[in-house]
Amino acid sequence: MFTPDPSLVPRTSTDGRRLAESVVLVPGDWGRGYVAQEPAESAPGTWAVLNRGCGWQREELPRGVLASTSRYSRLPAGGGKGVVKVTAVVTVHASVLGADEQLSTTLEEVLRCPDQQPRSDERFTGLMSLGTPFGAREQEYADDSLLEAGAYVEDGGAAQPYRWMVARLGTVVAAVSVTGGAGNTEQELNQLGSKALAQMLTRVEQRLKGK
């Protein structure tokens, strides 16, 4: 299990933001051909919150959350395959307890809202989630992790596979979402998300490990 150098763990919003922005993926990190969506990045000082109506909205960071950065990318349609949309998120908490609560809340939200609305013209449906702590089912890459799966529907179009993968290392929570249009298999999307999440976790370790 990875143990960060206490002197390198962010304690201020400035340090948290610097870490998040250095870890979260840019379009080119996902692979050849990926470009930024519009908007390309979340507003500074905010994070995504699921409201009582099961809709997602940006709100100011609460006490205990130092920073949170989301970046949105896409792979345009081509080669007989539809558009792939991806999101990378890094949230830095002031404590391990706060980071752990984020994962617990995510698991609970799926039970409360199996159908969710990220934007006015988009929906996630039939969501299910599974948490896997360190050591369970050979999970040895993070202190805790979870997978959320379901379908994504845009503008009343056909349902597409959707994955939301989250992992915690100490006070840092990294997450990726992946959804792909026609021709993109669930296996391909799972591999894409897993590789992206592993890339961010490696960056977290590199920045927080002592000499």
C-alpha atoms as a PDB file:
ATOM      1  CA  MET A   1       0.000   0.000   0.000  1.00  0.00           C
ATOM      2  CA  PHE A   2       1.270   3.488  -0.888  1.00  0.00           C
ATOM      3  CA  THR A   3       2.143   5.749   2.050  1.00  0.00           C
ATOM      4  CA  PRO A   4       2.640   9.420   1.117  1.00  0.00           C
ATOM      5  CA  ASP A   5       5.331  11.620   2.612  1.00  0.00           C
ATOM      6  CA  PRO A   6       3.403  13.690   5.211  1.00  0.00           C
ATOM      7  CA  SER A   7       5.426  16.781   4.321  1.00  0.00           C
ATOM      8  CA  LEU A   8       4.183  16.597   0.706  1.00  0.00           C
ATOM      9  CA  VAL A   9       0.475  16.109   1.439  1.00  0.00           C
ATOM     10  CA  PRO A  10      -1.417  19.344   0.566  1.00  0.00           C
ATOM     11  CA  ARG A  11      -2.585  21.374   3.555  1.00  0.00           C
ATOM     12  CA  THR A  12      -3.788  24.546   1.828  1.00  0.00           C
ATOM     13  CA  SER A  13      -6.125  25.317  -1.047  1.00  0.00           C
ATOM     14  CA  THR A  14      -3.202  26.580  -3.112  1.00  0.00           C
ATOM     15  CA  ASP A  15      -1.241  23.356  -2.638  1.00  0.00           C
ATOM     16  CA  GLY A  16      -4.367  21.281  -3.282  1.00  0.00           C
ATOM     17  CA  ARG A  17      -5.137  23.114  -6.500  1.00  0.00           C
ATOM     18  CA  ARG A  18      -1.542  22.778  -7.694  1.00  0.00           C
ATOM     19  CA  LEU A  19      -1.638  19.023  -7.100  1.00  0.00           C
ATOM     20  CA  ALA A  20      -5.048  18.534  -8.726  1.00  0.00           C
ATOM     21  CA  GLU A  21      -4.120  20.488 -11.847  1.00  0.00           C
ATOM     22  CA  SER A  22      -0.844  18.574 -12.241  1.00  0.00           C
ATOM     23  CA  VAL A  23      -2.575  15.189 -11.943  1.00  0.00           C
ATOM     24  CA  VAL A  24      -5.861  15.557 -13.855  1.00  0.00           C
ATOM     25  CA  LEU A  25      -5.630  14.453 -17.500  1.00  0.00           C
ATOM     26  CA  VAL A  26      -5.604  16.787 -20.499  1.00  0.00           C
ATOM     27  CA  PRO A  27      -7.084  15.627 -23.856  1.00  0.00           C
ATOM     28  CA  GLY A  28      -3.787  14.303 -25.220  1.00  0.00           C
ATOM     29  CA  ASP A  29      -3.311  12.049 -22.187  1.00  0.00           C
ATOM     30  CA  TRP A  30      -6.318   9.960 -23.257  1.00  0.00           C
ATOM     31  CA  GLY A  31      -4.793   9.060 -26.586  1.00  0.00           C
ATOM     32  CA  ARG A  32      -4.353  10.222 -30.160  1.00  0.00           C
ATOM     33  CA  GLY A  33      -7.207  12.289 -31.559  1.00  0.00           C
ATOM     34  CA  TYR A  34      -8.767  13.423 -28.287  1.00  0.00           C
ATOM     35  CA  VAL A  35      -9.741  17.088 -28.087  1.00  0.00           C
ATOM     36  CA  ALA A  36     -11.234  19.330 -25.409  1.00  0.00           C
ATOM     37  CA  GLN A  37     -14.989  19.502 -24.973  1.00  0.00           C
ATOM     38  CA  GLU A  38     -16.782  22.800 -24.418  1.00  0.00           C
ATOM     39  CA  PRO A  39     -16.359  23.744 -21.625  1.00  0.00           C
ATOM     40  CA  ALA A  40     -12.937  22.138 -21.313  1.00  0.00           C
ATOM     41  CA  GLU A  41     -12.585  22.509 -17.543  1.00  0.00           C
ATOM     42  CA  SER A  42     -14.678  23.121 -14.448  1.00  0.00           C
ATOM     43  CA  ALA A  43     -14.862  26.516 -12.752  1.00  0.00           C
ATOM     44  CA  PRO A  44     -12.153  26.966 -10.089  1.00  0.00           C
ATOM     45  CA  GLY A  45     -13.292  26.661  -6.492  1.00  0.00           C
ATOM     46  CA  THR A  46     -16.278  24.430  -7.306  1.00  0.00           C
ATOM     47  CA  TRP A  47     -17.195  20.764  -7.400  1.00  0.00           C
ATOM     48  CA  ALA A  48     -20.103  18.685  -8.689  1.00  0.00           C
ATOM     49  CA  VAL A  49     -23.002  18.020  -6.298  1.00  0.00           C
ATOM     50  CA  LEU A  50     -26.028  15.759  -6.859  1.00  0.00           C
ATOM     51  CA  ASN A  51     -29.122  17.661  -5.735  1.00  0.00           C
ATOM     52  CA  ARG A  52     -32.370  16.299  -4.313  1.00  0.00           C
ATOM     53  CA  GLY A  53     -33.879  16.110  -7.785  1.00  0.00           C
ATOM     54  CA  CYS A  54     -31.039  13.798  -8.938  1.00  0.00           C
ATOM     55  CA  GLY A  55     -29.515  16.524 -11.100  1.00  0.00           C
ATOM     56  CA  TRP A  56     -25.848  17.507 -11.059  1.00  0.00           C
ATOM     57  CA  GLN A  57     -24.789  21.104 -10.389  1.00  0.00           C
ATOM     58  CA  ARG A  58     -21.584  22.963  -9.533  1.00  0.00           C
ATOM     59  CA  GLU A  59     -21.318  24.406  -6.036  1.00  0.00           C
ATOM     60  CA  GLU A  60     -18.613  26.128  -4.036  1.00  0.00           C
ATOM     61  CA  LEU A  61     -16.156  23.785  -2.361  1.00  0.00           C
ATOM     62  CA  PRO A  62     -17.281  22.891   1.162  1.00  0.00           C
ATOM     63  CA  ARG A  63     -15.068  23.120   4.206  1.00  0.00           C
ATOM     64  CA  GLY A  64     -12.585  20.265   4.168  1.00  0.00           C
ATOM     65  CA  VAL A  65     -12.199  20.131   0.389  1.00  0.00           C
ATOM     66  CA  LEU A  66      -9.031  21.938  -0.670  1.00  0.00           C
ATOM     67  CA  ALA A  67      -9.471  21.725  -4.449  1.00  0.00           C
ATOM     68  CA  SER A  68     -11.303  19.914  -7.231  1.00  0.00           C
ATOM     69  CA  THR A  69     -10.574  20.045 -10.946  1.00  0.00           C
ATOM     70  CA  SER A  70     -12.544  18.401 -13.772  1.00  0.00           C
ATOM     71  CA  ARG A  71     -11.439  18.291 -17.408  1.00  0.00           C
ATOM     72  CA  TYR A  72     -13.697  17.195 -20.260  1.00  0.00           C
ATOM     73  CA  SER A  73     -12.418  15.619 -23.484  1.00  0.00           C
ATOM     74  CA  ARG A  74     -13.837  13.797 -26.495  1.00  0.00           C
ATOM     75  CA  LEU A  75     -12.751  11.586 -29.376  1.00  0.00           C
ATOM     76  CA  PRO A  76     -14.695  12.612 -32.501  1.00  0.00           C
ATOM     77  CA  ALA A  77     -16.602   9.942 -34.410  1.00  0.00           C
ATOM     78  CA  GLY A  78     -14.642   8.069 -37.048  1.00  0.00           C
ATOM     79  CA  GLY A  79     -13.705   4.640 -38.335  1.00  0.00           C
ATOM     80  CA  GLY A  80     -17.238   3.386 -37.947  1.00  0.00           C
ATOM     81  CA  LYS A  81     -17.403   4.376 -34.274  1.00  0.00           C
ATOM     82  CA  GLY A  82     -19.412   7.065 -32.511  1.00  0.00           C
ATOM     83  CA  VAL A  83     -18.064   9.871 -30.325  1.00  0.00           C
ATOM     84  CA  VAL A  84     -16.319   8.922 -27.069  1.00  0.00           C
ATOM     85  CA  LYS A  85     -16.774  11.420 -24.222  1.00  0.00           C
ATOM     86  CA  VAL A  86     -14.504  11.317 -21.181  1.00  0.00           C
ATOM     87  CA  THR A  87     -14.043  13.247 -17.951  1.00  0.00           C
ATOM     88  CA  ALA A  88     -11.095  13.287 -15.554  1.00  0.00           C
ATOM     89  CA  VAL A  89     -11.543  14.594 -12.000  1.00  0.00           C
ATOM     90  CA  VAL A  90      -9.141  15.065  -9.107  1.00  0.00           C
ATOM     91  CA  THR A  91     -10.361  16.207  -5.686  1.00  0.00           C
ATOM     92  CA  VAL A  92      -7.992  16.960  -2.818  1.00  0.00           C
ATOM     93  CA  HIS A  93      -9.351  16.791   0.722  1.00  0.00           C
ATOM     94  CA  ALA A  94      -7.940  18.156   3.965  1.00  0.00           C
ATOM     95  CA  SER A  95      -8.221  14.732   5.621  1.00  0.00           C
ATOM     96  CA  VAL A  96      -8.352  11.024   4.802  1.00  0.00           C
ATOM     97  CA  LEU A  97     -11.758  10.883   6.497  1.00  0.00           C
ATOM     98  CA  GLY A  98     -13.125  13.526   4.139  1.00  0.00           C
ATOM     99  CA  ALA A  99     -11.802  11.700   1.083  1.00  0.00           C
ATOM    100  CA  ASP A 100     -13.256   8.425   2.350  1.00  0.00           C
ATOM    101  CA  GLU A 101     -16.643  10.077   2.874  1.00  0.00           C
ATOM    102  CA  GLN A 102     -16.664  11.159  -0.783  1.00  0.00           C
ATOM    103  CA  LEU A 103     -16.564   7.536  -1.906  1.00  0.00           C
ATOM    104  CA  SER A 104     -19.209   6.516   0.635  1.00  0.00           C
ATOM    105  CA  THR A 105     -21.465   9.316  -0.577  1.00  0.00           C
ATOM    106  CA  THR A 106     -21.006   8.256  -4.190  1.00  0.00           C
ATOM    107  CA  LEU A 107     -22.151   4.721  -3.372  1.00  0.00           C
ATOM    108  CA  GLU A 108     -25.193   6.052  -1.522  1.00  0.00           C
ATOM    109  CA  GLU A 109     -26.120   8.434  -4.354  1.00  0.00           C
ATOM    110  CA  VAL A 110     -26.586   5.590  -6.816  1.00  0.00           C
ATOM    111  CA  LEU A 111     -29.056   3.943  -4.444  1.00  0.00           C
ATOM    112  CA  ARG A 112     -30.922   7.249  -4.071  1.00  0.00           C
ATOM    113  CA  CYS A 113     -30.717   8.210  -7.721  1.00  0.00           C
ATOM    114  CA  PRO A 114     -30.253   5.297 -10.167  1.00  0.00           C
ATOM    115  CA  ASP A 115     -31.225   7.832 -12.861  1.00  0.00           C
ATOM    116  CA  GLN A 116     -29.287  11.103 -12.881  1.00  0.00           C
ATOM    117  CA  GLN A 117     -29.132  14.239 -15.022  1.00  0.00           C
ATOM    118  CA  PRO A 118     -25.623  15.695 -15.540  1.00  0.00           C
ATOM    119  CA  ARG A 119     -26.884  18.388 -17.952  1.00  0.00           C
ATOM    120  CA  SER A 120     -30.281  19.476 -19.260  1.00  0.00           C
ATOM    121  CA  ASP A 121     -29.974  17.350 -22.431  1.00  0.00           C
ATOM    122  CA  GLU A 122     -28.216  14.336 -20.883  1.00  0.00           C
ATOM    123  CA  ARG A 123     -29.194  11.461 -18.590  1.00  0.00           C
ATOM    124  CA  PHE A 124     -27.579   8.513 -16.848  1.00  0.00           C
ATOM    125  CA  THR A 125     -29.963   5.602 -16.370  1.00  0.00           C
ATOM    126  CA  GLY A 126     -29.949   2.233 -14.638  1.00  0.00           C
ATOM    127  CA  LEU A 127     -26.919   3.062 -12.541  1.00  0.00           C
ATOM    128  CA  MET A 128     -25.380   0.439 -10.271  1.00  0.00           C
ATOM    129  CA  SER A 129     -22.221   0.684  -8.176  1.00  0.00           C
ATOM    130  CA  LEU A 130     -19.694  -1.595  -6.494  1.00  0.00           C
ATOM    131  CA  GLY A 131     -17.070  -0.598  -3.950  1.00  0.00           C
ATOM    132  CA  THR A 132     -13.752  -2.455  -3.684  1.00  0.00           C
ATOM    133  CA  PRO A 133     -11.438  -1.523  -0.793  1.00  0.00           C
ATOM    134  CA  PHE A 134      -7.715  -2.245  -0.813  1.00  0.00           C
ATOM    135  CA  GLY A 135      -6.973  -5.965  -0.680  1.00  0.00           C
ATOM    136  CA  ALA A 136     -10.450  -7.050  -1.764  1.00  0.00           C
ATOM    137  CA  ARG A 137     -10.711  -8.948  -5.051  1.00  0.00           C
ATOM    138  CA  GLU A 138      -6.986  -8.356  -5.639  1.00  0.00           C
ATOM    139  CA  GLN A 139      -7.450  -4.576  -5.626  1.00  0.00           C
ATOM    140  CA  GLU A 140      -4.004  -3.297  -4.657  1.00  0.00           C
ATOM    141  CA  TYR A 141      -3.719  -0.001  -6.514  1.00  0.00           C
ATOM    142  CA  ALA A 142      -5.664   2.307  -4.161  1.00  0.00           C
ATOM    143  CA  ASP A 143      -6.854   2.670  -0.560  1.00  0.00           C
ATOM    144  CA  ASP A 144     -10.419   2.370  -1.818  1.00  0.00           C
ATOM    145  CA  SER A 145     -12.180   2.276  -5.176  1.00  0.00           C
ATOM    146  CA  LEU A 146     -15.581   1.984  -6.773  1.00  0.00           C
ATOM    147  CA  LEU A 147     -17.126   1.378 -10.161  1.00  0.00           C
ATOM    148  CA  GLU A 148     -20.423   2.882 -11.273  1.00  0.00           C
ATOM    149  CA  ALA A 149     -22.028   1.528 -14.453  1.00  0.00           C
ATOM    150  CA  GLY A 150     -25.151   2.245 -16.444  1.00  0.00           C
ATOM    151  CA  ALA A 151     -26.292   3.887 -19.653  1.00  0.00           C
ATOM    152  CA  TYR A 152     -25.891   7.409 -21.038  1.00  0.00           C
ATOM    153  CA  VAL A 153     -28.565   9.057 -23.183  1.00  0.00           C
ATOM    154  CA  GLU A 154     -28.176  12.389 -24.968  1.00  0.00           C
ATOM    155  CA  ASP A 155     -30.969  14.366 -26.632  1.00  0.00           C
ATOM    156  CA  GLY A 156     -33.278  11.360 -26.610  1.00  0.00           C
ATOM    157  CA  GLY A 157     -30.833   9.305 -28.685  1.00  0.00           C
ATOM    158  CA  ALA A 158     -29.834   5.683 -28.271  1.00  0.00           C
ATOM    159  CA  ALA A 159     -28.460   4.528 -24.929  1.00  0.00           C
ATOM    160  CA  GLN A 160     -24.668   4.227 -24.733  1.00  0.00           C
ATOM    161  CA  PRO A 161     -22.498   2.365 -22.182  1.00  0.00           C
ATOM    162  CA  TYR A 162     -21.381   4.571 -19.290  1.00  0.00           C
ATOM    163  CA  ARG A 163     -18.659   3.999 -16.680  1.00  0.00           C
ATOM    164  CA  TRP A 164     -17.621   6.103 -13.661  1.00  0.00           C
ATOM    165  CA  MET A 165     -14.434   4.850 -11.974  1.00  0.00           C
ATOM    166  CA  VAL A 166     -13.214   6.326  -8.684  1.00  0.00           C
ATOM    167  CA  ALA A 167     -10.149   5.611  -6.537  1.00  0.00           C
ATOM    168  CA  ARG A 168      -8.689   7.123  -3.368  1.00  0.00           C
ATOM    169  CA  LEU A 169      -5.059   7.427  -2.353  1.00  0.00           C
ATOM    170  CA  GLY A 170      -4.869   9.061   1.073  1.00  0.00           C
ATOM    171  CA  THR A 171      -6.523  12.475   0.862  1.00  0.00           C
ATOM    172  CA  VAL A 172      -6.744  12.466  -2.947  1.00  0.00           C
ATOM    173  CA  VAL A 173      -9.711  11.132  -4.931  1.00  0.00           C
ATOM    174  CA  ALA A 174      -9.229  10.551  -8.674  1.00  0.00           C
ATOM    175  CA  ALA A 175     -12.101   9.673 -10.994  1.00  0.00           C
ATOM    176  CA  VAL A 176     -12.847   9.176 -14.677  1.00  0.00           C
ATOM    177  CA  SER A 177     -16.067   8.848 -16.641  1.00  0.00           C
ATOM    178  CA  VAL A 178     -16.240   7.190 -20.049  1.00  0.00           C
ATOM    179  CA  THR A 179     -19.128   6.898 -22.495  1.00  0.00           C
ATOM    180  CA  GLY A 180     -18.967   5.826 -26.121  1.00  0.00           C
ATOM    181  CA  GLY A 181     -21.273   5.921 -29.111  1.00  0.00           C
ATOM    182  CA  ALA A 182     -22.115   3.088 -31.494  1.00  0.00           C
ATOM    183  CA  GLY A 183     -19.236   0.746 -32.279  1.00  0.00           C
ATOM    184  CA  ASN A 184     -17.425   1.272 -28.984  1.00  0.00           C
ATOM    185  CA  THR A 185     -17.581  -1.922 -26.930  1.00  0.00           C
ATOM    186  CA  GLU A 186     -17.927  -2.001 -23.149  1.00  0.00           C
ATOM    187  CA  GLN A 187     -14.572  -3.775 -22.947  1.00  0.00           C
ATOM    188  CA  GLU A 188     -12.870  -0.972 -24.875  1.00  0.00           C
ATOM    189  CA  LEU A 189     -14.471   1.660 -22.664  1.00  0.00           C
ATOM    190  CA  ASN A 190     -13.480  -0.223 -19.494  1.00  0.00           C
ATOM    191  CA  GLN A 191      -9.886  -0.473 -20.679  1.00  0.00           C
ATOM    192  CA  LEU A 192      -9.821   3.211 -21.572  1.00  0.00           C
ATOM    193  CA  GLY A 193     -11.137   4.240 -18.159  1.00  0.00           C
ATOM    194  CA  SER A 194      -8.905   1.871 -16.214  1.00  0.00           C
ATOM    195  CA  LYS A 195      -5.790   3.069 -18.037  1.00  0.00           C
ATOM    196  CA  ALA A 196      -6.692   6.720 -17.469  1.00  0.00           C
ATOM    197  CA  LEU A 197      -7.387   6.217 -13.773  1.00  0.00           C
ATOM    198  CA  ALA A 198      -4.120   4.306 -13.311  1.00  0.00           C
ATOM    199  CA  GLN A 199      -2.268   7.143 -15.021  1.00  0.00           C
ATOM    200  CA  MET A 200      -3.628   9.700 -12.546  1.00  0.00           C
ATOM    201  CA  LEU A 201      -2.953   7.480  -9.525  1.00  0.00           C
ATOM    202  CA  THR A 202       0.655   7.088 -10.693  1.00  0.00           C
ATOM    203  CA  ARG A 203       0.972  10.866 -10.880  1.00  0.00           C
ATOM    204  CA  VAL A 204      -0.404  11.200  -7.340  1.00  0.00           C
ATOM    205  CA  GLU A 205       2.186   8.722  -6.056  1.00  0.00           C
ATOM    206  CA  GLN A 206       5.003  10.463  -7.926  1.00  0.00           C
ATOM    207  CA  ARG A 207       4.118  13.845  -6.425  1.00  0.00           C
ATOM    208  CA  LEU A 208       3.553  12.646  -2.866  1.00  0.00           C
ATOM    209  CA  LYS A 209       6.272  10.051  -2.372  1.00  0.00           C
ATOM    210  CA  GLY A 210       9.312  10.982  -0.314  1.00  0.00           C
ATOM    211  CA  LYS A 211      12.889  10.590  -1.423  1.00  0.00           C
END
